[in-house]
Amino acid sequence: MKRARYMGIVLLGLAMLATACGSGSGGTASPSASGGASAPASASGGDGALPEVTLTWYYGVAQVSPDQQLIEDEVNKIIKPKINATVKLKPIDFGSYTTKLNTASAAGEKFDLVWTANWAFNYDENVKKGAFLPLDELIDKYAPETKKAIPQFTWDATKHQGKIYAVPNYQTVISRYGINVIKEYADKYGLDPSKVKRYEDLEPFFEQVKKNEPGIVPFMLVGPLTKFHPFFYGYDDYGVKIGDESYKTNSMEESPEYKQFVELMHRWFEKGYINEDASTVKQIDSSYNGKFAASIEYTMKPGYEAEIKAKNGGRDIIGIPLTDVTTTRTSNIATLTAISRTSKNPERAMMLLELVNTDSKLFNLLSFGLEGKHYDKLDDNTVKTKPNGGYIASNWVFGNVFNGYLIEGQAPDTWEVTKKLNASAFVQPTFGFNFDDTPVKAENANVAAIRAEYEPLLFTGTVDPAEYLPQYLDKLKKAGSEKIQAELQRQLDAWVAEKKKNG
């Protein structure tokens, strides 16, 4: 009977999609920001075609909104008539998201949708733990428009052993590393962005801010988010030197560039250019507004300055890129939504993802809240968020941003420019390679624990690398870093050989 009921749901779901796709412009959402997908008749809450279910959705936010229940109620008004489901939205601040979701997942808590990334509630690690369901068949059956809208190389980046375990929240898939500077201070002290090509070029500016702006931190760093960026120094994500056709991996921690970076950060920390709590602060939230002059930026996507302005108290920033535009597997899995292995309704969860990615009204509600209360519309496709409106969310957490509004200050062609950059970015030579740590799982766990201990200290300059870097390298080796490096090289060599074989 269970099998019969399951097959019935599958067939009804297929009928629902057929109805949606066959109904012309009313079946799926227009990519414009003003449309919305119409409800397939077979999913109507009143005709009993699909049994009513409740879904639970965990995702990260900068700050949990006091209006969260209001948003949830409005979301359910949209989805209930369309897929006969309601959803319990479970936002968690990014600072504690990984810890709380790791605990929930390990305990076998029952939930349906869960946000994951390469930098929080780690996607790869959770796939290997079996925390997520494989989604290929569910995507084909229940999310055809979502599948069509996302480039194949982005889908490929999500794969583990040939299977997809999360739906990318499609946005920019580029990586461009650089520095954000508050425009007020850049103008005041004559900082010329065109002359900043490396970190050291910012030192005279930081010195001026430190000398003349009491209470202002020249360079705001966040321990868990501050990273050594290999591409800035000419390496790809696996430590392969750009242009090295031998694909030799390098230990970044042992490289001269790594040593140069941590020594510079420590010198700046000693001079008071870096915030004293850098190694322990978890995120730059509203409590830091107006208290720093510059910070690190990892994406620098088109129009991102306007997004940051809306979230940092209305302060204009200047973005200074330090690398070229590139695309990597990492940048393609920076934000995804998975379905938990504990989900009782994976089919309906996928239907909800299809709605979020095609119904612009639903997507904009999740992303921006309610018009008039949380934002005002400047034109059909552009909104001005209210700093004290009571709802703070990020569109890239929920789904395909190209279906949503632009933020005040973003150029009208921001989405078109972003898509062109996605298509034209430099592709790192190891794109498509995915290291399987199964043979060195214990060593990888030990190394990860040591990195989590030392990296926030070294990268923020909080400790002296003359003392701590040798300790760090010694502990990494004892934990098995050399064994991991050898296994990485072995797998990469095999991948390169297979790639050459297949042309």
Protein backbone atom coordinates (compact mmCIF):
# COMPACT_ATOMS: atom_id res chain seq x y z
CA MET A 1 0.00 0.00 0.00
CA LYS A 2 2.87 2.37 0.79
CA ARG A 3 4.36 1.71 -2.62
CA ALA A 4 1.02 2.25 -4.31
CA ARG A 5 0.53 5.52 -2.45
CA TYR A 6 4.05 6.65 -3.43
CA MET A 7 3.46 5.84 -7.09
CA GLY A 8 0.18 7.69 -6.94
CA ILE A 9 1.93 10.80 -5.67
CA VAL A 10 4.58 10.52 -8.38
CA LEU A 11 1.98 10.19 -11.14
CA LEU A 12 -0.09 13.03 -9.79
CA GLY A 13 3.05 15.17 -9.51
CA LEU A 14 3.84 14.45 -13.15
CA ALA A 15 0.31 15.36 -14.12
CA MET A 16 0.67 18.58 -12.17
CA LEU A 17 3.83 19.50 -14.04
CA ALA A 18 2.28 18.59 -17.39
CA THR A 19 -0.62 20.90 -16.60
CA ALA A 20 1.76 23.69 -15.61
CA CYS A 21 3.97 23.33 -18.68
CA GLY A 22 0.99 23.06 -21.03
CA SER A 23 -0.85 26.11 -19.81
CA GLY A 24 1.19 28.67 -21.74
CA SER A 25 2.39 31.76 -19.91
CA GLY A 26 0.22 30.94 -16.92
CA GLY A 27 1.98 27.64 -16.22
CA THR A 28 5.34 28.90 -15.05
CA ALA A 29 6.65 32.24 -13.94
CA SER A 30 8.00 34.87 -16.24
CA PRO A 31 11.62 35.75 -15.47
CA SER A 32 10.47 39.30 -14.80
CA ALA A 33 10.25 40.39 -11.18
CA SER A 34 6.52 41.05 -11.28
CA GLY A 35 5.06 37.70 -12.31
CA GLY A 36 4.08 34.53 -10.50
CA ALA A 37 3.37 30.93 -11.40
CA SER A 38 -0.27 29.95 -11.51
CA ALA A 39 -1.56 27.01 -9.49
CA PRO A 40 -1.88 23.71 -11.34
CA ALA A 41 -5.42 22.46 -10.92
CA SER A 42 -4.28 19.00 -9.78
CA ALA A 43 -2.40 20.51 -6.84
CA SER A 44 -5.30 22.58 -5.58
CA GLY A 45 -5.78 22.31 -1.84
CA GLY A 46 -9.49 21.74 -2.17
CA ASP A 47 -9.73 18.82 -4.57
CA GLY A 48 -7.66 16.34 -2.59
CA ALA A 49 -5.37 15.53 -5.52
CA LEU A 50 -2.30 15.75 -3.27
CA PRO A 51 -2.49 15.06 0.47
CA GLU A 52 -1.74 18.12 2.59
CA VAL A 53 1.77 18.15 4.07
CA THR A 54 3.93 20.46 6.16
CA LEU A 55 7.54 21.05 5.14
CA THR A 56 10.39 22.37 7.28
CA TRP A 57 13.09 24.56 5.72
CA TYR A 58 16.35 25.54 7.42
CA TYR A 59 18.46 28.36 5.96
CA GLY A 60 20.98 30.98 7.02
CA VAL A 61 20.42 34.72 7.51
CA ALA A 62 22.51 37.62 8.73
CA GLN A 63 19.91 38.32 11.40
CA VAL A 64 16.63 36.58 12.24
CA SER A 65 13.74 38.94 11.51
CA PRO A 66 11.14 39.91 14.10
CA ASP A 67 8.63 39.65 11.24
CA GLN A 68 9.51 36.06 10.42
CA GLN A 69 6.06 34.69 11.22
CA LEU A 70 4.44 37.31 9.03
CA ILE A 71 6.65 36.26 6.11
CA GLU A 72 5.90 32.58 6.70
CA ASP A 73 2.16 33.25 6.70
CA GLU A 74 2.39 35.11 3.40
CA VAL A 75 4.57 32.41 1.85
CA ASN A 76 2.02 29.77 2.75
CA LYS A 77 -0.78 31.79 1.15
CA ILE A 78 1.12 31.37 -2.13
CA ILE A 79 2.22 27.76 -1.94
CA LYS A 80 -0.82 26.15 -0.28
CA PRO A 81 -3.13 26.47 -3.33
CA LYS A 82 -0.37 25.37 -5.71
CA ILE A 83 1.16 22.28 -4.10
CA ASN A 84 -1.16 21.74 -1.10
CA ALA A 85 1.70 22.22 1.35
CA THR A 86 2.66 24.67 4.05
CA VAL A 87 6.21 25.38 5.12
CA LYS A 88 7.78 26.16 8.48
CA LEU A 89 10.63 28.57 7.81
CA LYS A 90 13.59 28.05 10.15
CA PRO A 91 16.15 30.85 9.64
CA ILE A 92 19.34 30.71 11.73
CA ASP A 93 22.01 33.39 11.87
CA PHE A 94 25.08 32.50 9.81
CA GLY A 95 27.34 32.71 12.86
CA SER A 96 25.74 29.68 14.50
CA TYR A 97 24.21 27.98 11.45
CA THR A 98 26.85 25.29 10.93
CA THR A 99 26.93 24.25 14.58
CA LYS A 100 23.15 24.06 14.93
CA LEU A 101 22.61 22.19 11.66
CA ASN A 102 25.43 19.74 12.37
CA THR A 103 23.74 18.98 15.69
CA ALA A 104 20.28 18.64 14.12
CA SER A 105 21.57 16.41 11.32
CA ALA A 106 23.61 14.17 13.64
CA ALA A 107 20.56 13.74 15.88
CA GLY A 108 18.44 12.61 12.93
CA GLU A 109 16.04 15.52 13.27
CA LYS A 110 13.28 15.39 10.68
CA PHE A 111 13.30 18.32 8.29
CA ASP A 112 12.93 18.72 4.53
CA LEU A 113 14.86 21.54 2.90
CA VAL A 114 18.22 22.74 4.14
CA TRP A 115 20.59 25.41 2.89
CA THR A 116 24.19 24.30 2.47
CA ALA A 117 27.41 25.71 1.01
CA ASN A 118 31.11 25.19 0.68
CA TRP A 119 31.64 27.64 3.57
CA ALA A 120 28.80 26.78 5.99
CA PHE A 121 27.16 23.43 6.85
CA ASN A 122 29.62 22.07 4.34
CA TYR A 123 28.01 20.55 1.26
CA ASP A 124 30.72 18.01 0.41
CA GLU A 125 31.10 16.81 3.99
CA ASN A 126 27.37 16.31 4.42
CA VAL A 127 27.02 14.45 1.14
CA LYS A 128 29.72 12.04 2.33
CA LYS A 129 27.93 11.65 5.69
CA GLY A 130 24.73 10.70 3.86
CA ALA A 131 22.88 13.74 5.19
CA PHE A 132 21.26 14.61 1.83
CA LEU A 133 19.17 12.69 -0.68
CA PRO A 134 20.30 12.22 -4.30
CA LEU A 135 18.08 14.48 -6.38
CA ASP A 136 18.53 13.62 -10.07
CA GLU A 137 15.17 11.86 -10.50
CA LEU A 138 13.30 14.36 -8.33
CA ILE A 139 14.71 17.27 -10.35
CA ASP A 140 13.75 15.65 -13.65
CA LYS A 141 10.20 14.95 -12.45
CA TYR A 142 9.35 17.97 -10.35
CA ALA A 143 11.76 20.81 -11.24
CA PRO A 144 12.22 20.85 -15.03
CA GLU A 145 12.22 24.66 -15.30
CA THR A 146 14.80 24.97 -12.55
CA LYS A 147 16.98 22.41 -14.29
CA LYS A 148 16.70 24.27 -17.57
CA ALA A 149 17.58 27.67 -16.07
CA ILE A 150 20.87 26.60 -14.48
CA PRO A 151 23.94 25.95 -16.69
CA GLN A 152 25.11 22.36 -16.96
CA PHE A 153 28.59 23.16 -15.60
CA THR A 154 26.99 24.42 -12.38
CA TRP A 155 24.98 21.21 -12.04
CA ASP A 156 28.17 19.25 -12.73
CA ALA A 157 29.92 21.07 -9.89
CA THR A 158 27.36 19.70 -7.41
CA LYS A 159 27.90 16.06 -8.37
CA HIS A 160 29.35 13.37 -6.14
CA GLN A 161 30.05 10.10 -7.95
CA GLY A 162 27.82 11.29 -10.76
CA LYS A 163 24.81 12.28 -8.63
CA ILE A 164 23.36 15.67 -7.71
CA TYR A 165 22.69 16.22 -4.00
CA ALA A 166 21.54 19.86 -3.96
CA VAL A 167 19.91 22.48 -6.19
CA PRO A 168 22.20 25.48 -6.77
CA ASN A 169 20.75 28.83 -5.78
CA TYR A 170 21.81 30.23 -9.11
CA GLN A 171 23.48 33.62 -8.96
CA THR A 172 26.99 34.68 -9.83
CA VAL A 173 29.29 31.66 -10.10
CA ILE A 174 32.42 33.73 -10.37
CA SER A 175 35.15 34.39 -7.87
CA ARG A 176 36.81 37.78 -7.81
CA TYR A 177 38.74 38.55 -4.68
CA GLY A 178 39.30 42.06 -3.38
CA ILE A 179 38.80 44.77 -0.77
CA ASN A 180 35.75 46.87 0.10
CA VAL A 181 36.54 50.40 1.24
CA ILE A 182 34.02 52.80 2.75
CA LYS A 183 33.81 55.59 0.16
CA GLU A 184 33.75 58.34 2.79
CA TYR A 185 37.23 57.38 4.00
CA ALA A 186 38.61 56.65 0.53
CA ASP A 187 37.60 60.16 -0.58
CA LYS A 188 38.80 61.83 2.61
CA TYR A 189 42.29 60.34 2.44
CA GLY A 190 42.73 60.33 -1.31
CA LEU A 191 42.83 56.57 -1.87
CA ASP A 192 43.17 55.86 -5.59
CA PRO A 193 41.59 52.43 -6.21
CA SER A 194 43.38 52.05 -9.55
CA LYS A 195 46.74 51.99 -7.77
CA VAL A 196 45.82 49.20 -5.35
CA LYS A 197 47.11 45.94 -6.85
CA ARG A 198 48.09 44.06 -3.68
CA TYR A 199 47.47 44.20 0.06
CA GLU A 200 50.58 46.25 0.78
CA ASP A 201 49.27 49.13 -1.35
CA LEU A 202 46.60 49.77 1.29
CA GLU A 203 49.02 50.38 4.15
CA PRO A 204 49.34 54.19 3.75
CA PHE A 205 45.54 54.44 3.75
CA PHE A 206 45.22 52.29 6.88
CA GLU A 207 47.85 54.41 8.58
CA GLN A 208 45.86 57.58 7.89
CA VAL A 209 42.63 56.06 9.21
CA LYS A 210 44.35 54.78 12.35
CA LYS A 211 45.94 58.18 12.99
CA ASN A 212 42.95 60.41 12.30
CA GLU A 213 39.78 58.38 12.95
CA PRO A 214 39.47 57.38 16.62
CA GLY A 215 37.19 54.38 17.11
CA ILE A 216 37.35 53.34 13.44
CA VAL A 217 39.04 50.03 12.63
CA PRO A 218 41.05 50.43 9.41
CA PHE A 219 40.69 46.78 8.32
CA MET A 220 37.78 44.69 9.65
CA LEU A 221 38.45 40.94 9.61
CA VAL A 222 36.22 38.02 10.60
CA GLY A 223 38.07 34.94 11.88
CA PRO A 224 36.06 32.08 10.32
CA LEU A 225 35.64 33.96 7.01
CA THR A 226 39.16 35.33 6.54
CA LYS A 227 41.02 33.04 4.17
CA PHE A 228 44.28 32.77 2.31
CA HIS A 229 43.20 33.12 -1.32
CA PRO A 230 45.39 30.87 -3.54
CA PHE A 231 44.25 32.47 -6.81
CA PHE A 232 45.55 35.86 -5.65
CA TYR A 233 49.00 34.27 -5.58
CA GLY A 234 48.64 32.31 -8.81
CA TYR A 235 47.36 28.94 -7.59
CA ASP A 236 44.03 27.20 -8.07
CA ASP A 237 41.86 25.71 -5.33
CA TYR A 238 43.87 22.48 -5.18
CA GLY A 239 47.23 24.21 -4.98
CA VAL A 240 48.12 23.75 -8.65
CA LYS A 241 50.09 26.66 -10.05
CA ILE A 242 48.11 28.32 -12.86
CA GLY A 243 49.69 27.26 -16.13
CA ASP A 244 51.43 24.19 -14.70
CA GLU A 245 50.52 21.44 -17.17
CA SER A 246 51.98 18.78 -14.85
CA TYR A 247 49.13 19.49 -12.37
CA LYS A 248 51.48 19.29 -9.40
CA THR A 249 49.67 20.15 -6.19
CA ASN A 250 51.37 22.31 -3.59
CA SER A 251 50.84 22.59 0.15
CA MET A 252 49.69 26.17 0.55
CA GLU A 253 50.68 26.29 4.22
CA GLU A 254 54.28 25.58 3.24
CA SER A 255 54.39 28.06 0.37
CA PRO A 256 56.34 31.34 0.61
CA GLU A 257 53.18 33.22 -0.35
CA TYR A 258 51.31 31.84 2.66
CA LYS A 259 54.11 32.92 4.99
CA GLN A 260 54.14 36.38 3.37
CA PHE A 261 50.38 36.75 3.92
CA VAL A 262 50.30 35.79 7.61
CA GLU A 263 53.35 37.94 8.36
CA LEU A 264 51.68 40.96 6.77
CA MET A 265 48.46 40.39 8.73
CA HIS A 266 50.41 40.13 11.98
CA ARG A 267 52.30 43.34 11.28
CA TRP A 268 49.02 45.12 10.64
CA PHE A 269 47.47 43.62 13.76
CA GLU A 270 50.39 44.89 15.85
CA LYS A 271 49.96 48.37 14.36
CA GLY A 272 46.28 48.39 15.31
CA TYR A 273 44.96 48.28 11.74
CA ILE A 274 42.94 45.09 12.41
CA ASN A 275 40.14 44.71 14.96
CA GLU A 276 41.28 43.10 18.21
CA ASP A 277 38.42 40.58 18.18
CA ALA A 278 39.16 39.47 14.59
CA SER A 279 39.90 35.84 15.46
CA THR A 280 36.66 35.34 17.38
CA VAL A 281 34.03 37.55 15.68
CA LYS A 282 31.79 35.35 13.50
CA GLN A 283 30.23 37.81 11.09
CA ILE A 284 30.00 41.51 10.28
CA ASP A 285 26.50 42.32 11.47
CA SER A 286 24.72 45.61 12.10
CA SER A 287 26.56 46.11 15.42
CA TYR A 288 29.72 46.89 13.42
CA ASN A 289 28.10 49.49 11.14
CA GLY A 290 30.10 52.70 11.03
CA LYS A 291 33.04 51.18 12.91
CA PHE A 292 35.47 50.18 10.16
CA ALA A 293 36.97 51.55 6.96
CA ALA A 294 37.68 48.42 4.87
CA SER A 295 36.97 44.69 4.72
CA ILE A 296 37.65 41.67 2.49
CA GLU A 297 35.30 40.72 -0.35
CA TYR A 298 35.34 37.26 -1.94
CA THR A 299 32.95 37.54 -4.89
CA MET A 300 32.67 41.11 -6.19
CA LYS A 301 29.75 40.23 -8.43
CA PRO A 302 28.10 42.93 -10.57
CA GLY A 303 26.03 45.27 -8.40
CA TYR A 304 27.21 43.82 -5.10
CA GLU A 305 28.15 47.27 -3.78
CA ALA A 306 24.48 48.23 -3.68
CA GLU A 307 23.61 45.07 -1.75
CA ILE A 308 26.25 45.83 0.86
CA LYS A 309 25.12 49.44 1.13
CA ALA A 310 21.60 48.28 1.90
CA LYS A 311 22.87 46.07 4.71
CA ASN A 312 25.49 48.28 6.34
CA GLY A 313 23.49 51.31 7.32
CA GLY A 314 23.44 52.97 3.90
CA ARG A 315 27.20 53.57 3.61
CA ASP A 316 28.59 53.68 0.07
CA ILE A 317 31.54 51.44 -0.66
CA ILE A 318 34.22 51.18 -3.32
CA GLY A 319 35.15 47.68 -4.44
CA ILE A 320 38.82 47.14 -5.34
CA PRO A 321 39.42 43.84 -7.16
CA LEU A 322 42.75 42.07 -6.54
CA THR A 323 42.21 39.09 -8.89
CA ASP A 324 40.74 38.41 -12.31
CA VAL A 325 37.29 36.90 -12.71
CA THR A 326 37.45 33.13 -12.43
CA THR A 327 35.03 30.26 -11.96
CA THR A 328 35.81 27.23 -9.85
CA ARG A 329 33.93 24.31 -8.44
CA THR A 330 34.01 26.18 -5.13
CA SER A 331 32.36 29.29 -6.57
CA ASN A 332 29.65 27.10 -8.11
CA ILE A 333 28.71 25.49 -4.79
CA ALA A 334 28.72 28.64 -2.67
CA THR A 335 24.96 28.43 -2.03
CA LEU A 336 22.66 25.43 -2.53
CA THR A 337 19.49 23.88 -1.17
CA ALA A 338 19.45 20.17 -0.35
CA ILE A 339 16.73 17.78 0.75
CA SER A 340 17.44 16.05 4.03
CA ARG A 341 17.67 12.26 4.20
CA THR A 342 15.10 12.53 7.02
CA SER A 343 12.50 14.23 4.81
CA LYS A 344 9.14 12.44 4.74
CA ASN A 345 8.05 14.38 1.66
CA PRO A 346 10.99 14.78 -0.74
CA GLU A 347 8.67 15.01 -3.78
CA ARG A 348 6.77 17.95 -2.32
CA ALA A 349 10.02 19.56 -1.15
CA MET A 350 11.25 19.52 -4.73
CA MET A 351 7.93 20.96 -5.92
CA LEU A 352 8.48 23.83 -3.48
CA LEU A 353 11.98 24.44 -4.86
CA GLU A 354 10.53 24.55 -8.38
CA LEU A 355 8.02 27.16 -7.21
CA VAL A 356 10.69 29.27 -5.50
CA ASN A 357 12.82 29.18 -8.64
CA THR A 358 10.00 30.01 -11.07
CA ASP A 359 7.45 32.06 -9.14
CA SER A 360 8.97 35.53 -8.85
CA LYS A 361 6.34 36.71 -6.38
CA LEU A 362 7.26 33.92 -3.98
CA PHE A 363 11.00 34.41 -4.52
CA ASN A 364 10.81 38.16 -3.89
CA LEU A 365 8.70 37.65 -0.78
CA LEU A 366 11.34 35.35 0.69
CA SER A 367 14.15 37.64 -0.41
CA PHE A 368 12.80 41.07 0.47
CA GLY A 369 9.65 40.71 2.57
CA LEU A 370 6.51 42.77 2.06
CA GLU A 371 6.22 45.83 -0.15
CA GLY A 372 5.55 48.97 1.85
CA LYS A 373 6.65 47.39 5.12
CA HIS A 374 10.11 46.00 4.35
CA TYR A 375 10.87 47.68 1.04
CA ASP A 376 9.53 50.21 -1.46
CA LYS A 377 9.47 49.72 -5.22
CA LEU A 378 11.37 52.30 -7.26
CA ASP A 379 10.23 50.79 -10.56
CA ASP A 380 8.92 47.45 -11.80
CA ASN A 381 12.22 45.67 -11.20
CA THR A 382 14.05 47.70 -8.53
CA VAL A 383 13.42 48.03 -4.80
CA LYS A 384 14.74 50.11 -1.94
CA THR A 385 14.99 48.13 1.26
CA LYS A 386 14.18 49.77 4.58
CA PRO A 387 17.13 49.52 7.01
CA ASN A 388 14.76 49.38 9.97
CA GLY A 389 11.94 47.64 8.14
CA GLY A 390 12.13 44.47 10.23
CA TYR A 391 13.19 41.96 7.58
CA ILE A 392 16.75 41.17 6.55
CA ALA A 393 17.36 38.29 4.15
CA SER A 394 19.59 37.48 1.18
CA ASN A 395 18.17 36.53 -2.20
CA TRP A 396 21.09 34.18 -2.93
CA VAL A 397 20.02 31.93 -0.05
CA PHE A 398 16.69 30.97 -1.63
CA GLY A 399 17.00 30.35 -5.35
CA ASN A 400 17.62 31.81 -8.79
CA VAL A 401 18.37 35.50 -8.21
CA PHE A 402 17.76 36.34 -11.86
CA ASN A 403 14.02 35.95 -11.20
CA GLY A 404 14.09 38.63 -8.51
CA TYR A 405 14.26 42.36 -7.97
CA LEU A 406 17.33 44.52 -8.25
CA ILE A 407 18.44 46.61 -5.27
CA GLU A 408 18.58 50.41 -5.38
CA GLY A 409 21.90 51.37 -6.93
CA GLN A 410 22.25 48.27 -9.10
CA ALA A 411 22.33 48.99 -12.82
CA PRO A 412 19.29 47.86 -14.84
CA ASP A 413 21.51 45.41 -16.77
CA THR A 414 23.04 43.81 -13.64
CA TRP A 415 21.54 40.38 -14.33
CA GLU A 416 22.61 40.43 -17.98
CA VAL A 417 26.17 41.44 -17.05
CA THR A 418 26.28 38.74 -14.38
CA LYS A 419 25.22 36.04 -16.83
CA LYS A 420 27.88 37.16 -19.31
CA LEU A 421 30.56 37.06 -16.60
CA ASN A 422 29.41 33.60 -15.57
CA ALA A 423 29.86 32.43 -19.14
CA SER A 424 33.18 34.19 -19.82
CA ALA A 425 35.09 33.75 -16.54
CA PHE A 426 38.47 32.05 -16.51
CA VAL A 427 37.99 28.33 -15.80
CA GLN A 428 40.60 26.99 -13.41
CA PRO A 429 42.40 23.91 -14.78
CA THR A 430 41.08 21.56 -12.11
CA PHE A 431 37.44 22.57 -12.56
CA GLY A 432 35.34 19.42 -12.41
CA PHE A 433 37.75 17.55 -10.18
CA ASN A 434 36.31 16.58 -6.80
CA PHE A 435 38.64 15.10 -4.21
CA ASP A 436 37.27 11.96 -2.53
CA ASP A 437 38.69 11.89 0.97
CA THR A 438 37.38 8.38 1.80
CA PRO A 439 40.88 6.82 1.83
CA VAL A 440 42.12 9.53 4.23
CA LYS A 441 38.92 10.36 6.11
CA ALA A 442 40.48 10.15 9.58
CA GLU A 443 43.47 12.25 8.56
CA ASN A 444 41.23 14.81 6.85
CA ALA A 445 39.11 15.20 9.97
CA ASN A 446 42.21 15.70 12.12
CA VAL A 447 43.69 18.24 9.72
CA ALA A 448 40.38 20.10 9.49
CA ALA A 449 40.26 20.41 13.28
CA ILE A 450 43.79 21.82 13.39
CA ARG A 451 43.04 24.28 10.60
CA ALA A 452 39.92 25.46 12.43
CA GLU A 453 42.11 26.16 15.46
CA TYR A 454 45.04 27.91 13.76
CA GLU A 455 43.67 29.63 10.65
CA PRO A 456 41.54 32.28 12.41
CA LEU A 457 44.56 33.18 14.53
CA LEU A 458 47.09 33.31 11.69
CA PHE A 459 44.90 34.84 9.00
CA THR A 460 43.80 37.73 11.22
CA GLY A 461 47.32 38.43 12.45
CA THR A 462 46.32 37.78 16.05
CA VAL A 463 49.40 35.62 16.74
CA ASP A 464 53.04 35.85 15.69
CA PRO A 465 53.67 33.52 12.74
CA ALA A 466 57.34 33.23 13.73
CA GLU A 467 56.11 31.17 16.67
CA TYR A 468 52.76 29.77 15.52
CA LEU A 469 53.40 28.87 11.86
CA PRO A 470 56.08 26.23 12.65
CA GLN A 471 53.77 24.79 15.33
CA TYR A 472 50.93 24.71 12.84
CA LEU A 473 52.95 22.98 10.12
CA ASP A 474 54.26 20.41 12.61
CA LYS A 475 50.74 19.59 13.83
CA LEU A 476 49.44 19.33 10.27
CA LYS A 477 52.11 16.78 9.39
CA LYS A 478 51.48 14.75 12.52
CA ALA A 479 47.75 14.77 11.71
CA GLY A 480 48.42 13.30 8.26
CA SER A 481 48.60 16.28 5.87
CA GLU A 482 51.35 14.63 3.79
CA LYS A 483 49.27 11.49 3.36
CA ILE A 484 46.31 13.63 2.25
CA GLN A 485 48.54 15.51 -0.19
CA ALA A 486 49.77 12.25 -1.72
CA GLU A 487 46.22 10.92 -2.10
CA LEU A 488 45.10 14.23 -3.64
CA GLN A 489 47.93 14.04 -6.17
CA ARG A 490 47.14 10.41 -6.98
CA GLN A 491 43.46 11.19 -7.66
CA LEU A 492 44.28 14.34 -9.60
CA ASP A 493 46.77 12.47 -11.80
CA ALA A 494 44.11 9.85 -12.55
CA TRP A 495 41.56 12.57 -13.34
CA VAL A 496 43.99 14.34 -15.69
CA ALA A 497 44.82 11.06 -17.45
CA GLU A 498 41.13 10.29 -17.94
CA LYS A 499 40.46 13.81 -19.15
CA LYS A 500 43.26 13.57 -21.76
CA LYS A 501 42.05 10.13 -22.79
CA ASN A 502 38.56 11.44 -23.46
CA GLY A 503 39.84 14.49 -25.29
